[in-house]
C-alpha cells in the first residue's frame, strides 16, 4: 500500500497534473515495459460511497486493520481508475507496507513516499 497524491480522471481532464491530496492506494498490477522498466498500476482507496459503480470493491475490516486504515470508515478500492508509476527501484516488494484511467507518472512522488515511510525527510518539490 502506498500513500500518494492520486490524480482522478476528472481532475486530469481539467488540466491538473497532480492529485489534490494524499490518499491510500493499493498495488493493482506490476508490469514491465518493452524497455525493461517496471511499471506499477495503483488503484485508489476512497471513503466515498461508490453509488452504482460496479468497479468499486469494499475493503473488508481485516484488510483495513492489516493496512493500518481506519476500521470505522467504509472504504472502497476503485478499480476503473488508476495512476501509473515508474518506481526508481526494482526491489519494490521490500518497500510495500502492508475504463478510462488517469495516468500519472510520479517517479518523484514514489521516491518521496518511500522516504516518508522510512522516516526520512521528503525532498523538495
N, C-alpha and C. Protein backbone atom coordinates (compact mmCIF):
# COMPACT_ATOMS: atom_id res chain seq x y z
N UNK A 1 0.84 -1.16 0.00
CA UNK A 1 0.00 0.00 0.00
C UNK A 1 0.89 1.23 0.00
N UNK A 2 0.47 2.22 -0.77
CA UNK A 2 1.18 3.49 -0.84
C UNK A 2 0.22 4.62 -0.53
N UNK A 3 0.77 5.72 -0.10
CA UNK A 3 0.00 6.96 0.06
C UNK A 3 0.62 7.95 -0.91
N UNK A 4 -0.18 8.42 -1.85
CA UNK A 4 0.33 9.38 -2.83
C UNK A 4 -0.79 10.30 -3.28
N UNK A 5 -0.43 11.44 -3.88
CA UNK A 5 -1.47 12.36 -4.36
C UNK A 5 -2.12 11.81 -5.63
N UNK A 6 -3.13 10.99 -5.43
CA UNK A 6 -3.79 10.31 -6.54
C UNK A 6 -4.48 11.32 -7.44
N UNK A 7 -4.26 11.21 -8.75
CA UNK A 7 -4.87 12.09 -9.73
C UNK A 7 -6.08 11.39 -10.35
N UNK A 8 -7.27 11.88 -10.01
CA UNK A 8 -8.50 11.32 -10.57
C UNK A 8 -8.66 11.77 -12.02
N UNK A 9 -9.34 10.98 -12.81
CA UNK A 9 -9.55 11.30 -14.22
C UNK A 9 -10.22 12.67 -14.38
N UNK A 10 -11.21 12.95 -13.56
CA UNK A 10 -11.92 14.24 -13.68
C UNK A 10 -10.97 15.41 -13.43
N UNK A 11 -9.99 15.23 -12.54
CA UNK A 11 -9.00 16.28 -12.27
C UNK A 11 -8.05 16.44 -13.47
N UNK A 12 -7.62 15.31 -14.02
CA UNK A 12 -6.73 15.35 -15.18
C UNK A 12 -7.41 16.01 -16.38
N UNK A 13 -8.72 15.76 -16.54
CA UNK A 13 -9.47 16.35 -17.65
C UNK A 13 -9.57 17.87 -17.52
N UNK A 14 -9.39 18.38 -16.31
CA UNK A 14 -9.41 19.83 -16.08
C UNK A 14 -8.00 20.42 -16.09
N UNK A 15 -7.02 19.64 -16.55
CA UNK A 15 -5.66 20.14 -16.70
C UNK A 15 -4.76 19.98 -15.50
N UNK A 16 -5.26 19.36 -14.44
CA UNK A 16 -4.42 19.15 -13.27
C UNK A 16 -3.41 18.06 -13.57
N UNK A 17 -2.22 18.16 -12.98
CA UNK A 17 -1.17 17.19 -13.24
C UNK A 17 -0.76 16.41 -12.00
N UNK A 18 -1.31 16.76 -10.86
CA UNK A 18 -1.00 16.06 -9.61
C UNK A 18 -2.26 16.03 -8.75
N UNK A 19 -2.43 14.96 -8.02
CA UNK A 19 -3.60 14.83 -7.17
C UNK A 19 -3.68 15.92 -6.12
N UNK A 20 -4.87 16.19 -5.64
CA UNK A 20 -5.10 17.27 -4.67
C UNK A 20 -4.72 16.89 -3.25
N UNK A 21 -4.79 15.60 -2.92
CA UNK A 21 -4.44 15.18 -1.57
C UNK A 21 -3.86 13.78 -1.60
N UNK A 22 -3.09 13.48 -0.58
CA UNK A 22 -2.55 12.12 -0.45
C UNK A 22 -3.68 11.19 -0.06
N UNK A 23 -3.72 10.03 -0.68
CA UNK A 23 -4.71 9.02 -0.34
C UNK A 23 -4.06 7.65 -0.45
N UNK A 24 -4.57 6.70 0.32
CA UNK A 24 -4.01 5.36 0.20
C UNK A 24 -4.36 4.75 -1.16
N UNK A 25 -3.40 4.04 -1.70
CA UNK A 25 -3.59 3.33 -2.97
C UNK A 25 -3.06 1.92 -2.80
N UNK A 26 -3.62 1.04 -3.56
CA UNK A 26 -3.19 -0.36 -3.50
C UNK A 26 -2.56 -0.77 -4.81
N UNK A 27 -1.61 -1.67 -4.74
CA UNK A 27 -0.98 -2.20 -5.93
C UNK A 27 -1.99 -3.05 -6.68
N UNK A 28 -2.27 -2.69 -7.91
CA UNK A 28 -3.23 -3.44 -8.70
C UNK A 28 -2.53 -4.34 -9.71
N UNK A 29 -1.39 -3.88 -10.23
CA UNK A 29 -0.69 -4.64 -11.25
C UNK A 29 0.75 -4.18 -11.32
N UNK A 30 1.65 -5.11 -11.45
CA UNK A 30 3.07 -4.82 -11.60
C UNK A 30 3.49 -5.39 -12.95
N UNK A 31 3.97 -4.53 -13.85
CA UNK A 31 4.34 -4.98 -15.19
C UNK A 31 5.72 -4.45 -15.55
N UNK A 32 6.19 -4.83 -16.72
CA UNK A 32 7.47 -4.36 -17.22
C UNK A 32 7.25 -3.82 -18.62
N UNK A 33 7.83 -2.65 -18.91
CA UNK A 33 7.69 -2.06 -20.24
C UNK A 33 8.57 -2.81 -21.23
N UNK A 34 8.40 -2.52 -22.49
CA UNK A 34 9.23 -3.15 -23.52
C UNK A 34 10.69 -2.73 -23.39
N UNK A 35 10.96 -1.64 -22.65
CA UNK A 35 12.33 -1.17 -22.43
C UNK A 35 12.90 -1.71 -21.12
N UNK A 36 12.16 -2.59 -20.45
CA UNK A 36 12.66 -3.22 -19.23
C UNK A 36 12.39 -2.45 -17.94
N UNK A 37 11.68 -1.31 -18.03
CA UNK A 37 11.36 -0.55 -16.83
C UNK A 37 10.12 -1.14 -16.17
N UNK A 38 10.12 -1.13 -14.84
CA UNK A 38 8.97 -1.62 -14.10
C UNK A 38 7.90 -0.53 -14.05
N UNK A 39 6.64 -0.94 -14.21
CA UNK A 39 5.51 -0.03 -14.07
C UNK A 39 4.60 -0.58 -12.98
N UNK A 40 4.09 0.31 -12.15
CA UNK A 40 3.18 -0.06 -11.09
C UNK A 40 1.85 0.64 -11.33
N UNK A 41 0.80 -0.15 -11.42
CA UNK A 41 -0.54 0.38 -11.58
C UNK A 41 -1.16 0.45 -10.18
N UNK A 42 -1.52 1.66 -9.74
CA UNK A 42 -2.02 1.89 -8.38
C UNK A 42 -3.49 2.30 -8.42
N UNK A 43 -4.33 1.57 -7.70
CA UNK A 43 -5.76 1.86 -7.63
C UNK A 43 -6.04 2.62 -6.32
N UNK A 44 -6.90 3.63 -6.37
CA UNK A 44 -7.18 4.43 -5.17
C UNK A 44 -8.12 3.75 -4.19
N UNK A 45 -7.96 4.12 -2.93
CA UNK A 45 -8.89 3.71 -1.88
C UNK A 45 -9.60 4.97 -1.42
N UNK A 46 -10.91 4.92 -1.37
CA UNK A 46 -11.70 6.11 -1.03
C UNK A 46 -12.79 5.77 -0.02
N UNK A 47 -13.21 6.80 0.71
CA UNK A 47 -14.32 6.63 1.65
C UNK A 47 -15.65 7.07 1.01
N UNK A 48 -15.58 7.58 -0.22
CA UNK A 48 -16.81 7.99 -0.90
C UNK A 48 -17.59 6.77 -1.36
N UNK A 49 -18.86 6.66 -0.97
CA UNK A 49 -19.67 5.51 -1.41
C UNK A 49 -19.68 5.42 -2.94
N UNK A 50 -19.59 4.20 -3.46
CA UNK A 50 -19.46 4.02 -4.90
C UNK A 50 -20.75 4.24 -5.69
N UNK A 51 -21.87 4.40 -5.03
CA UNK A 51 -23.13 4.54 -5.76
C UNK A 51 -23.38 3.30 -6.59
N UNK A 52 -23.59 3.48 -7.88
CA UNK A 52 -23.86 2.32 -8.75
C UNK A 52 -22.61 1.90 -9.53
N UNK A 53 -21.43 2.26 -9.04
CA UNK A 53 -20.18 1.91 -9.71
C UNK A 53 -19.87 0.43 -9.49
N UNK A 54 -19.94 -0.37 -10.55
CA UNK A 54 -19.66 -1.81 -10.39
C UNK A 54 -18.16 -2.10 -10.26
N UNK A 55 -17.32 -1.08 -10.40
CA UNK A 55 -15.87 -1.27 -10.34
C UNK A 55 -15.28 -0.84 -9.01
N UNK A 56 -16.09 -0.78 -7.97
CA UNK A 56 -15.61 -0.46 -6.62
C UNK A 56 -15.78 -1.70 -5.74
N UNK A 57 -14.72 -2.00 -5.00
CA UNK A 57 -14.73 -3.18 -4.13
C UNK A 57 -14.57 -2.71 -2.70
N UNK A 58 -15.50 -3.09 -1.82
CA UNK A 58 -15.41 -2.67 -0.43
C UNK A 58 -14.24 -3.38 0.25
N UNK A 59 -13.50 -2.61 1.05
CA UNK A 59 -12.34 -3.16 1.77
C UNK A 59 -12.84 -3.83 3.06
N UNK A 60 -12.58 -5.12 3.23
CA UNK A 60 -13.00 -5.82 4.45
C UNK A 60 -12.27 -5.27 5.68
N UNK A 61 -12.90 -5.39 6.84
CA UNK A 61 -12.33 -4.86 8.08
C UNK A 61 -10.94 -5.42 8.36
N UNK A 62 -10.75 -6.72 8.14
CA UNK A 62 -9.46 -7.33 8.42
C UNK A 62 -8.36 -6.71 7.56
N UNK A 63 -8.68 -6.38 6.31
CA UNK A 63 -7.69 -5.76 5.41
C UNK A 63 -7.41 -4.33 5.83
N UNK A 64 -8.43 -3.62 6.33
CA UNK A 64 -8.20 -2.26 6.84
C UNK A 64 -7.24 -2.31 8.02
N UNK A 65 -7.44 -3.29 8.90
CA UNK A 65 -6.53 -3.45 10.05
C UNK A 65 -5.12 -3.73 9.59
N UNK A 66 -4.97 -4.67 8.67
CA UNK A 66 -3.64 -5.05 8.18
C UNK A 66 -2.92 -3.87 7.53
N UNK A 67 -3.68 -3.02 6.85
CA UNK A 67 -3.09 -1.88 6.14
C UNK A 67 -2.96 -0.65 7.01
N UNK A 68 -3.45 -0.70 8.23
CA UNK A 68 -3.37 0.46 9.10
C UNK A 68 -4.37 1.55 8.75
N UNK A 69 -5.46 1.18 8.10
CA UNK A 69 -6.51 2.13 7.74
C UNK A 69 -7.56 2.20 8.84
N UNK A 70 -8.36 3.24 8.81
CA UNK A 70 -9.40 3.43 9.81
C UNK A 70 -10.48 2.35 9.65
N UNK A 71 -10.61 1.48 10.64
CA UNK A 71 -11.57 0.38 10.56
C UNK A 71 -13.01 0.85 10.76
N UNK A 72 -13.18 2.08 11.21
CA UNK A 72 -14.52 2.62 11.45
C UNK A 72 -15.11 3.29 10.21
N UNK A 73 -14.31 3.43 9.16
CA UNK A 73 -14.79 4.01 7.91
C UNK A 73 -15.11 2.91 6.91
N UNK A 74 -16.13 3.13 6.11
CA UNK A 74 -16.37 2.26 4.97
C UNK A 74 -15.44 2.72 3.87
N UNK A 75 -14.65 1.81 3.32
CA UNK A 75 -13.66 2.15 2.30
C UNK A 75 -13.83 1.25 1.08
N UNK A 76 -13.51 1.80 -0.09
CA UNK A 76 -13.61 1.06 -1.34
C UNK A 76 -12.35 1.25 -2.16
N UNK A 77 -11.95 0.18 -2.86
CA UNK A 77 -10.90 0.27 -3.88
C UNK A 77 -11.63 0.52 -5.20
N UNK A 78 -11.26 1.58 -5.89
CA UNK A 78 -11.88 1.91 -7.17
C UNK A 78 -10.97 1.39 -8.27
N UNK A 79 -11.45 0.37 -8.99
CA UNK A 79 -10.59 -0.31 -9.95
C UNK A 79 -10.67 0.24 -11.37
N UNK A 80 -11.59 1.14 -11.66
CA UNK A 80 -11.70 1.65 -13.01
C UNK A 80 -10.79 2.85 -13.25
N UNK A 81 -10.22 3.41 -12.20
CA UNK A 81 -9.25 4.49 -12.34
C UNK A 81 -7.95 4.06 -11.68
N UNK A 82 -6.85 4.48 -12.26
CA UNK A 82 -5.56 4.15 -11.67
C UNK A 82 -4.53 5.20 -12.05
N UNK A 83 -3.45 5.23 -11.31
CA UNK A 83 -2.28 6.03 -11.66
C UNK A 83 -1.18 5.05 -12.01
N UNK A 84 -0.39 5.39 -12.99
CA UNK A 84 0.72 4.57 -13.43
C UNK A 84 2.01 5.19 -12.92
N UNK A 85 2.81 4.41 -12.25
CA UNK A 85 4.05 4.90 -11.66
C UNK A 85 5.22 4.08 -12.19
N UNK A 86 6.35 4.71 -12.36
CA UNK A 86 7.58 4.03 -12.76
C UNK A 86 8.57 4.21 -11.62
N UNK A 87 8.57 3.30 -10.65
CA UNK A 87 9.44 3.47 -9.49
C UNK A 87 10.92 3.38 -9.88
N UNK A 88 11.76 4.08 -9.13
CA UNK A 88 13.18 4.09 -9.45
C UNK A 88 13.94 2.86 -8.98
N UNK A 89 13.24 1.92 -8.33
CA UNK A 89 13.93 0.74 -7.80
C UNK A 89 13.27 -0.54 -8.28
N UNK A 90 14.02 -1.60 -8.36
CA UNK A 90 13.46 -2.89 -8.73
C UNK A 90 13.07 -3.70 -7.51
N UNK A 91 13.44 -3.25 -6.32
CA UNK A 91 13.14 -4.01 -5.10
C UNK A 91 11.85 -3.51 -4.46
N UNK A 92 10.80 -3.44 -5.25
CA UNK A 92 9.53 -2.89 -4.78
C UNK A 92 8.92 -3.72 -3.66
N UNK A 93 9.08 -5.03 -3.68
CA UNK A 93 8.43 -5.86 -2.68
C UNK A 93 8.91 -5.54 -1.28
N UNK A 94 10.14 -5.13 -1.12
CA UNK A 94 10.66 -4.80 0.20
C UNK A 94 10.19 -3.43 0.67
N UNK A 95 9.57 -2.66 -0.23
CA UNK A 95 9.14 -1.31 0.11
C UNK A 95 7.65 -1.23 0.45
N UNK A 96 6.90 -2.31 0.25
CA UNK A 96 5.46 -2.26 0.47
C UNK A 96 5.13 -2.33 1.95
N UNK A 97 4.15 -1.54 2.37
CA UNK A 97 3.69 -1.51 3.75
C UNK A 97 2.58 -2.50 3.94
N UNK A 98 2.15 -2.76 4.01
CA UNK A 98 1.08 -3.66 4.32
C UNK A 98 0.33 -4.15 3.02
N UNK A 99 -11.46 1.82 -17.14
CA UNK A 99 -12.37 2.35 -18.09
C UNK A 99 -11.69 3.44 -18.85
N UNK A 100 -11.37 4.40 -18.28
CA UNK A 100 -10.53 5.44 -18.82
C UNK A 100 -9.75 6.00 -17.66
N UNK A 101 -8.64 5.41 -17.42
CA UNK A 101 -7.88 5.80 -16.25
C UNK A 101 -7.18 7.13 -16.43
N UNK A 102 -6.87 7.73 -15.29
CA UNK A 102 -5.97 8.88 -15.33
C UNK A 102 -4.59 8.29 -15.15
N UNK A 103 -3.69 8.58 -16.02
CA UNK A 103 -2.34 8.04 -15.93
C UNK A 103 -1.43 9.12 -15.40
N UNK A 104 -0.73 8.80 -14.34
CA UNK A 104 0.08 9.79 -13.64
C UNK A 104 1.44 9.18 -13.35
N UNK A 105 2.45 9.60 -14.08
CA UNK A 105 3.80 9.07 -13.87
C UNK A 105 4.45 9.89 -12.78
N UNK A 106 4.77 9.26 -11.66
CA UNK A 106 5.21 10.02 -10.49
C UNK A 106 6.45 9.43 -9.84
N UNK A 107 7.51 9.30 -10.60
CA UNK A 107 8.76 8.77 -10.06
C UNK A 107 9.19 9.56 -8.83
N UNK A 108 9.10 10.89 -8.88
CA UNK A 108 9.48 11.74 -7.75
C UNK A 108 8.58 11.48 -6.56
N UNK A 109 7.28 11.33 -6.79
CA UNK A 109 6.34 11.10 -5.70
C UNK A 109 6.56 9.74 -5.07
N UNK A 110 6.85 8.74 -5.89
CA UNK A 110 7.11 7.40 -5.37
C UNK A 110 8.30 7.43 -4.42
N UNK A 111 9.38 8.10 -4.84
CA UNK A 111 10.57 8.20 -4.00
C UNK A 111 10.26 8.96 -2.72
N UNK A 112 9.50 10.05 -2.83
CA UNK A 112 9.14 10.84 -1.65
C UNK A 112 8.33 10.01 -0.68
N UNK A 113 7.42 9.20 -1.19
CA UNK A 113 6.59 8.37 -0.31
C UNK A 113 7.43 7.31 0.39
N UNK A 114 8.37 6.70 -0.32
CA UNK A 114 9.24 5.70 0.30
C UNK A 114 10.06 6.34 1.41
N UNK A 115 10.56 7.55 1.17
CA UNK A 115 11.33 8.25 2.18
C UNK A 115 10.46 8.59 3.38
N UNK A 116 9.23 9.02 3.11
CA UNK A 116 8.30 9.37 4.19
C UNK A 116 8.04 8.15 5.07
N UNK A 117 7.81 6.98 4.47
CA UNK A 117 7.55 5.77 5.25
C UNK A 117 8.77 5.33 6.04
N UNK A 118 9.96 5.61 5.51
CA UNK A 118 11.17 5.19 6.20
C UNK A 118 11.56 6.16 7.31
N UNK A 119 10.85 7.30 7.41
CA UNK A 119 11.14 8.28 8.44
C UNK A 119 12.08 9.37 7.98
N UNK A 120 12.55 9.32 6.74
CA UNK A 120 13.45 10.35 6.21
C UNK A 120 12.63 11.57 5.78
N UNK A 121 13.30 12.67 5.60
CA UNK A 121 12.61 13.89 5.17
C UNK A 121 12.23 13.77 3.72
N UNK A 122 11.10 14.39 3.38
CA UNK A 122 10.63 14.41 1.99
C UNK A 122 11.43 15.42 1.21
N UNK A 123 11.88 15.06 0.00
CA UNK A 123 12.65 16.02 -0.80
C UNK A 123 11.78 17.17 -1.28
N UNK A 124 12.39 18.30 -1.53
CA UNK A 124 11.66 19.47 -2.02
C UNK A 124 11.11 19.19 -3.40
N UNK A 125 9.93 19.73 -3.67
CA UNK A 125 9.29 19.51 -4.97
C UNK A 125 9.97 20.27 -6.06
